[in-house]
Amino acid sequence: MFKQSKQGAINVISATLPLNSESLDLLDSAFAECFREGQPHAVLDLRSVPLIDSAGLEQLLDLRDRFQQKTGVLKLAGANPLCQDILSITGVAAYFEIFPEVNQAVGSFI
């Protein structure tokens, strides 16, 4: 499940499912409203994501590209140690600003 909320002008998408091939359509739908905005700014809250597989990593990079095409920014927050390792070992972490907490990620937009 993916839940969207707002903190000021920043969209926060909270995920509770693994980011894998089975959840990609749901993830894409959760970000759909962000892309309707002129210059989207969002944080993906990974606090409750148990795992990210290769399809999930590809989707994260695709989302990042779509944000950049609209001169927006997608940041990640709250990844557990396993997800942090996956992002780091695969090199995907280099493409994102990653924060320990959602509030820090939201605050970084200021």
N, C-alpha and C. Protein backbone atom coordinates (compact mmCIF):
# COMPACT_ATOMS: atom_id res chain seq x y z
N MET A 1 0.84 -1.18 0.00
CA MET A 1 0.00 0.00 0.00
C MET A 1 0.89 1.25 0.00
N PHE A 2 0.43 2.26 -0.70
CA PHE A 2 1.14 3.53 -0.76
C PHE A 2 0.16 4.62 -0.37
N LYS A 3 0.59 5.47 0.54
CA LYS A 3 -0.27 6.53 1.04
C LYS A 3 0.38 7.87 0.73
N GLN A 4 -0.41 8.77 0.17
CA GLN A 4 0.11 10.09 -0.15
C GLN A 4 -0.41 11.10 0.86
N SER A 5 0.50 11.99 1.29
CA SER A 5 0.12 13.10 2.16
C SER A 5 0.96 14.30 1.75
N LYS A 6 0.67 15.42 2.35
CA LYS A 6 1.43 16.64 2.05
C LYS A 6 1.97 17.22 3.34
N GLN A 7 3.18 17.70 3.29
CA GLN A 7 3.76 18.50 4.36
C GLN A 7 4.13 19.82 3.71
N GLY A 8 3.25 20.80 3.89
CA GLY A 8 3.41 22.06 3.17
C GLY A 8 3.22 21.80 1.69
N ALA A 9 4.18 22.20 0.89
CA ALA A 9 4.11 22.01 -0.56
C ALA A 9 4.76 20.70 -1.01
N ILE A 10 5.26 19.91 -0.07
CA ILE A 10 6.00 18.69 -0.40
C ILE A 10 5.08 17.47 -0.29
N ASN A 11 5.05 16.68 -1.34
CA ASN A 11 4.31 15.42 -1.33
C ASN A 11 5.14 14.37 -0.60
N VAL A 12 4.49 13.63 0.28
CA VAL A 12 5.16 12.52 0.97
C VAL A 12 4.40 11.25 0.62
N ILE A 13 5.11 10.31 0.02
CA ILE A 13 4.54 9.02 -0.32
C ILE A 13 5.12 8.00 0.65
N SER A 14 4.24 7.39 1.44
CA SER A 14 4.67 6.37 2.41
C SER A 14 4.36 5.00 1.85
N ALA A 15 5.35 4.15 1.85
CA ALA A 15 5.21 2.81 1.29
C ALA A 15 5.25 1.77 2.41
N THR A 16 4.43 0.73 2.26
CA THR A 16 4.45 -0.36 3.24
C THR A 16 4.63 -1.71 2.55
N LEU A 17 4.84 -1.69 1.26
CA LEU A 17 5.05 -2.91 0.48
C LEU A 17 6.50 -2.99 0.01
N PRO A 18 6.97 -4.17 -0.32
CA PRO A 18 8.28 -4.25 -0.98
C PRO A 18 8.21 -3.50 -2.30
N LEU A 19 9.28 -2.86 -2.68
CA LEU A 19 9.34 -2.24 -4.01
C LEU A 19 9.83 -3.31 -4.96
N ASN A 20 8.88 -3.97 -5.59
CA ASN A 20 9.20 -5.06 -6.51
C ASN A 20 8.23 -5.02 -7.69
N SER A 21 8.36 -5.97 -8.59
CA SER A 21 7.54 -5.96 -9.81
C SER A 21 6.04 -6.00 -9.51
N GLU A 22 5.66 -6.59 -8.39
CA GLU A 22 4.25 -6.70 -8.05
C GLU A 22 3.64 -5.40 -7.56
N SER A 23 4.47 -4.48 -7.07
CA SER A 23 3.94 -3.23 -6.51
C SER A 23 4.20 -2.01 -7.38
N LEU A 24 4.82 -2.18 -8.53
CA LEU A 24 5.23 -1.03 -9.34
C LEU A 24 4.05 -0.19 -9.84
N ASP A 25 2.96 -0.84 -10.25
CA ASP A 25 1.80 -0.07 -10.71
C ASP A 25 1.22 0.77 -9.58
N LEU A 26 1.18 0.20 -8.38
CA LEU A 26 0.68 0.95 -7.23
C LEU A 26 1.59 2.13 -6.91
N LEU A 27 2.89 1.91 -7.00
CA LEU A 27 3.84 2.99 -6.74
C LEU A 27 3.68 4.10 -7.77
N ASP A 28 3.55 3.72 -9.02
CA ASP A 28 3.37 4.71 -10.08
C ASP A 28 2.09 5.51 -9.87
N SER A 29 1.02 4.84 -9.48
CA SER A 29 -0.26 5.52 -9.21
C SER A 29 -0.13 6.49 -8.04
N ALA A 30 0.64 6.12 -7.04
CA ALA A 30 0.82 6.99 -5.87
C ALA A 30 1.52 8.29 -6.25
N PHE A 31 2.37 8.26 -7.25
CA PHE A 31 3.08 9.45 -7.68
C PHE A 31 2.35 10.23 -8.77
N ALA A 32 1.25 9.70 -9.29
CA ALA A 32 0.54 10.34 -10.41
C ALA A 32 0.17 11.78 -10.10
N GLU A 33 -0.33 12.04 -8.91
CA GLU A 33 -0.74 13.40 -8.56
C GLU A 33 0.45 14.35 -8.52
N CYS A 34 1.59 13.86 -8.08
CA CYS A 34 2.80 14.69 -8.06
C CYS A 34 3.12 15.23 -9.45
N PHE A 35 2.94 14.39 -10.46
CA PHE A 35 3.31 14.78 -11.81
C PHE A 35 2.30 15.73 -12.45
N ARG A 36 1.14 15.91 -11.82
CA ARG A 36 0.18 16.89 -12.31
C ARG A 36 0.59 18.30 -11.90
N GLU A 37 1.49 18.40 -10.92
CA GLU A 37 1.96 19.70 -10.46
C GLU A 37 3.02 20.22 -11.43
N GLY A 38 3.21 21.51 -11.44
CA GLY A 38 4.18 22.11 -12.34
C GLY A 38 5.60 21.66 -12.07
N GLN A 39 6.04 21.80 -10.83
CA GLN A 39 7.40 21.43 -10.45
C GLN A 39 7.28 20.54 -9.21
N PRO A 40 7.20 19.24 -9.40
CA PRO A 40 6.93 18.34 -8.28
C PRO A 40 8.12 18.19 -7.32
N HIS A 41 7.81 18.21 -6.05
CA HIS A 41 8.79 17.94 -5.00
C HIS A 41 8.18 16.87 -4.10
N ALA A 42 8.92 15.79 -3.89
CA ALA A 42 8.37 14.68 -3.11
C ALA A 42 9.45 13.95 -2.33
N VAL A 43 8.96 13.29 -1.29
CA VAL A 43 9.80 12.40 -0.47
C VAL A 43 9.13 11.04 -0.48
N LEU A 44 9.90 10.00 -0.77
CA LEU A 44 9.41 8.63 -0.65
C LEU A 44 9.87 8.10 0.69
N ASP A 45 8.91 7.82 1.56
CA ASP A 45 9.17 7.31 2.90
C ASP A 45 9.33 5.79 2.82
N LEU A 46 10.54 5.32 3.02
CA LEU A 46 10.85 3.88 2.92
C LEU A 46 10.86 3.17 4.27
N ARG A 47 10.45 3.86 5.31
CA ARG A 47 10.53 3.32 6.67
C ARG A 47 9.92 1.92 6.80
N SER A 48 8.79 1.67 6.13
CA SER A 48 8.11 0.37 6.26
C SER A 48 8.29 -0.53 5.05
N VAL A 49 9.25 -0.21 4.20
CA VAL A 49 9.54 -1.04 3.02
C VAL A 49 10.52 -2.13 3.42
N PRO A 50 10.11 -3.40 3.34
CA PRO A 50 11.01 -4.47 3.78
C PRO A 50 12.12 -4.80 2.79
N LEU A 51 11.91 -4.51 1.49
CA LEU A 51 12.85 -4.97 0.47
C LEU A 51 12.68 -4.17 -0.81
N ILE A 52 13.77 -3.98 -1.52
CA ILE A 52 13.73 -3.37 -2.85
C ILE A 52 14.47 -4.32 -3.79
N ASP A 53 13.76 -4.79 -4.84
CA ASP A 53 14.44 -5.68 -5.80
C ASP A 53 14.85 -4.89 -7.03
N SER A 54 15.37 -5.56 -8.04
CA SER A 54 15.89 -4.87 -9.23
C SER A 54 14.80 -4.08 -9.95
N ALA A 55 13.59 -4.62 -10.01
CA ALA A 55 12.49 -3.88 -10.64
C ALA A 55 12.17 -2.61 -9.85
N GLY A 56 12.22 -2.70 -8.54
CA GLY A 56 11.98 -1.54 -7.69
C GLY A 56 13.07 -0.49 -7.86
N LEU A 57 14.32 -0.93 -7.98
CA LEU A 57 15.42 0.01 -8.21
C LEU A 57 15.26 0.73 -9.54
N GLU A 58 14.88 -0.03 -10.57
CA GLU A 58 14.64 0.58 -11.88
C GLU A 58 13.52 1.60 -11.81
N GLN A 59 12.46 1.26 -11.08
CA GLN A 59 11.33 2.18 -10.95
C GLN A 59 11.74 3.46 -10.22
N LEU A 60 12.56 3.33 -9.19
CA LEU A 60 13.04 4.52 -8.47
C LEU A 60 13.82 5.44 -9.42
N LEU A 61 14.69 4.85 -10.23
CA LEU A 61 15.47 5.65 -11.17
C LEU A 61 14.57 6.28 -12.24
N ASP A 62 13.56 5.54 -12.68
CA ASP A 62 12.60 6.08 -13.64
C ASP A 62 11.83 7.25 -13.04
N LEU A 63 11.37 7.10 -11.80
CA LEU A 63 10.67 8.19 -11.12
C LEU A 63 11.57 9.42 -11.00
N ARG A 64 12.82 9.19 -10.63
CA ARG A 64 13.77 10.30 -10.52
C ARG A 64 13.89 11.04 -11.84
N ASP A 65 14.01 10.29 -12.94
CA ASP A 65 14.11 10.90 -14.26
C ASP A 65 12.85 11.71 -14.60
N ARG A 66 11.70 11.17 -14.27
CA ARG A 66 10.45 11.88 -14.55
C ARG A 66 10.35 13.16 -13.72
N PHE A 67 10.81 13.12 -12.48
CA PHE A 67 10.83 14.34 -11.67
C PHE A 67 11.76 15.37 -12.30
N GLN A 68 12.93 14.93 -12.73
CA GLN A 68 13.90 15.85 -13.32
C GLN A 68 13.39 16.46 -14.62
N GLN A 69 12.64 15.70 -15.40
CA GLN A 69 12.08 16.22 -16.64
C GLN A 69 11.13 17.38 -16.37
N LYS A 70 10.51 17.37 -15.19
CA LYS A 70 9.59 18.46 -14.81
C LYS A 70 10.29 19.45 -13.87
N THR A 71 11.62 19.40 -13.83
CA THR A 71 12.47 20.22 -12.95
C THR A 71 12.06 20.08 -11.48
N GLY A 72 11.66 18.89 -11.12
CA GLY A 72 11.31 18.58 -9.73
C GLY A 72 12.39 17.75 -9.08
N VAL A 73 12.11 17.35 -7.83
CA VAL A 73 13.08 16.58 -7.06
C VAL A 73 12.36 15.49 -6.27
N LEU A 74 12.91 14.29 -6.30
CA LEU A 74 12.44 13.18 -5.47
C LEU A 74 13.56 12.82 -4.51
N LYS A 75 13.23 12.79 -3.22
CA LYS A 75 14.20 12.41 -2.19
C LYS A 75 13.68 11.16 -1.47
N LEU A 76 14.59 10.40 -0.89
CA LEU A 76 14.24 9.19 -0.16
C LEU A 76 14.51 9.40 1.32
N ALA A 77 13.74 8.71 2.16
CA ALA A 77 13.92 8.84 3.61
C ALA A 77 13.55 7.55 4.33
N GLY A 78 14.22 7.35 5.46
CA GLY A 78 13.83 6.31 6.41
C GLY A 78 14.11 4.88 6.01
N ALA A 79 15.01 4.64 5.08
CA ALA A 79 15.27 3.26 4.64
C ALA A 79 15.86 2.44 5.78
N ASN A 80 15.37 1.20 5.91
CA ASN A 80 15.92 0.29 6.93
C ASN A 80 17.32 -0.14 6.48
N PRO A 81 18.09 -0.78 7.37
CA PRO A 81 19.48 -1.16 7.01
C PRO A 81 19.59 -2.01 5.74
N LEU A 82 18.66 -2.96 5.54
CA LEU A 82 18.72 -3.79 4.34
C LEU A 82 18.51 -2.94 3.08
N CYS A 83 17.50 -2.09 3.10
CA CYS A 83 17.23 -1.23 1.93
C CYS A 83 18.37 -0.24 1.71
N GLN A 84 18.96 0.27 2.79
CA GLN A 84 20.12 1.15 2.66
C GLN A 84 21.25 0.42 1.95
N ASP A 85 21.50 -0.83 2.36
CA ASP A 85 22.56 -1.62 1.73
C ASP A 85 22.26 -1.87 0.25
N ILE A 86 21.02 -2.20 -0.06
CA ILE A 86 20.63 -2.46 -1.46
C ILE A 86 20.86 -1.21 -2.30
N LEU A 87 20.41 -0.06 -1.80
CA LEU A 87 20.60 1.20 -2.53
C LEU A 87 22.08 1.52 -2.72
N SER A 88 22.86 1.28 -1.68
CA SER A 88 24.28 1.59 -1.72
C SER A 88 25.06 0.64 -2.63
N ILE A 89 24.89 -0.65 -2.43
CA ILE A 89 25.65 -1.66 -3.18
C ILE A 89 25.36 -1.58 -4.68
N THR A 90 24.12 -1.27 -5.04
CA THR A 90 23.77 -1.21 -6.46
C THR A 90 24.15 0.12 -7.10
N GLY A 91 24.55 1.09 -6.28
CA GLY A 91 24.91 2.40 -6.81
C GLY A 91 23.74 3.35 -6.98
N VAL A 92 22.54 2.89 -6.72
CA VAL A 92 21.35 3.72 -6.88
C VAL A 92 21.34 4.87 -5.88
N ALA A 93 21.94 4.67 -4.73
CA ALA A 93 21.99 5.72 -3.70
C ALA A 93 22.66 6.99 -4.22
N ALA A 94 23.57 6.85 -5.15
CA ALA A 94 24.30 8.01 -5.68
C ALA A 94 23.39 8.96 -6.47
N TYR A 95 22.22 8.49 -6.87
CA TYR A 95 21.30 9.30 -7.66
C TYR A 95 20.24 10.02 -6.84
N PHE A 96 20.26 9.83 -5.53
CA PHE A 96 19.24 10.41 -4.66
C PHE A 96 19.87 11.06 -3.44
N GLU A 97 19.18 12.06 -2.93
CA GLU A 97 19.47 12.52 -1.57
C GLU A 97 18.67 11.60 -0.67
N ILE A 98 19.34 11.01 0.31
CA ILE A 98 18.69 10.06 1.22
C ILE A 98 18.86 10.56 2.64
N PHE A 99 17.75 10.59 3.37
CA PHE A 99 17.72 11.12 4.73
C PHE A 99 17.25 10.05 5.71
N PRO A 100 17.71 10.14 6.97
CA PRO A 100 17.28 9.16 7.96
C PRO A 100 15.79 9.27 8.30
N GLU A 101 15.25 10.49 8.25
CA GLU A 101 13.85 10.72 8.64
C GLU A 101 13.14 11.57 7.59
N VAL A 102 11.84 11.36 7.47
CA VAL A 102 11.02 12.12 6.53
C VAL A 102 11.09 13.62 6.81
N ASN A 103 11.00 14.01 8.08
CA ASN A 103 11.02 15.43 8.41
C ASN A 103 12.30 16.11 7.95
N GLN A 104 13.41 15.40 8.03
CA GLN A 104 14.67 15.97 7.55
C GLN A 104 14.65 16.14 6.04
N ALA A 105 14.10 15.17 5.34
CA ALA A 105 14.00 15.25 3.88
C ALA A 105 13.10 16.40 3.46
N VAL A 106 11.95 16.52 4.11
CA VAL A 106 11.03 17.62 3.80
C VAL A 106 11.69 18.96 4.10
N GLY A 107 12.35 19.07 5.24
CA GLY A 107 13.04 20.31 5.63
C GLY A 107 14.15 20.69 4.68
N SER A 108 14.74 19.72 3.99
CA SER A 108 15.85 20.02 3.09
C SER A 108 15.41 20.77 1.84
N PHE A 109 14.13 20.81 1.56
CA PHE A 109 13.63 21.54 0.39
C PHE A 109 13.66 23.05 0.62
N ILE A 110 13.80 23.46 1.87
CA ILE A 110 13.77 24.90 2.19
C ILE A 110 15.10 25.54 1.86
